[in-house]
């Protein structure tokens, strides 16, 4: 069996019980981090549209039972029947739930009984380990967002709060960023609201300034609410704004390439924002290598003042990095 957790689990289920299960546990993006993703039973995220490199494809080939806990249509990208038997624990009816065609849907109040039935199971962790190894090897093969997330994961003993805007880098982050707690990972998720990471990161930092925040932004989202960074300066918030740039609108450009349309409106002649952030009073650095990024992060950790980092990637490699994932 495997477990897929929706955000309901964050509110209704004892985390410590699930952390110790010896079977693969997925979460939706909305519940990312509820299961410590450094644990060997964490299978990462389930989206319903994962391709051959994702654990959801590999694990679902072999499992005989899917146990959803708060799994609902609004937290996945595709609602479909599983290839094996499936049940779901719910608190209320949610729109679209019928699409999963669960064999049984029962109240979340029955969690303890269900947990007791799977608490002694030991299955699938070897398959999961091999699948994650394959995925991580792919994500870290070039200096692209996946490798950037790996570096940042390694540089922090006490994990910062991360906020991801929408874009291809967010698709990669859903798999590459290892979150230890659901409150330390904020994502635009299915809303896909471009530009959301700047105001979200500022709000999160104002609410809890003791936790450093890293906001990841793409070329499309950075201009939406850039004026809000003045709040970060006025309050000296511990926020690191990181622009992950391919010099255009990557995920939109894919469609233009596929349909043979003009790419002119989707390519930015000058994608740098260093001078703009400097005008607001935030120091900025351009990091185009592992060493320069590591040095910039280590310097930021000395005082945690607002900082802007700009990272440029190969447009062609950036386009291909989600192949096999989504």
Foldseek 3Di string as FASTA:
>chain_A
DEEEEECVCVVQPDLVLVLQFQAAYAYQLLFAQSRQLVRLNYQFHDAPPFFDLGPVVQQLVPDAEYEYEQDDDLRHDDQAARPHAYEYAHDDDDPPRCRNVHPYYYHPVCVVVVSVVRRPDHDDSVSSVVSLVSNLCLLCVDPALLVVLVLQQVLDPPAAAEEEADALSVLSCSSRHGHNHSRRYHYCGPVNDAQPQVVVQLVSCVVPQVGAYEYEHELRRCVPPVVVCLSCQVVQGLYEYEYRYQQFRQVVVLVCVVVVHDCVVTGHPDSDCQVVVVVSPAHEEEDADSVVSSVVVVVCVVPSGYHYYYYYDHSVCSNCSCVSTD
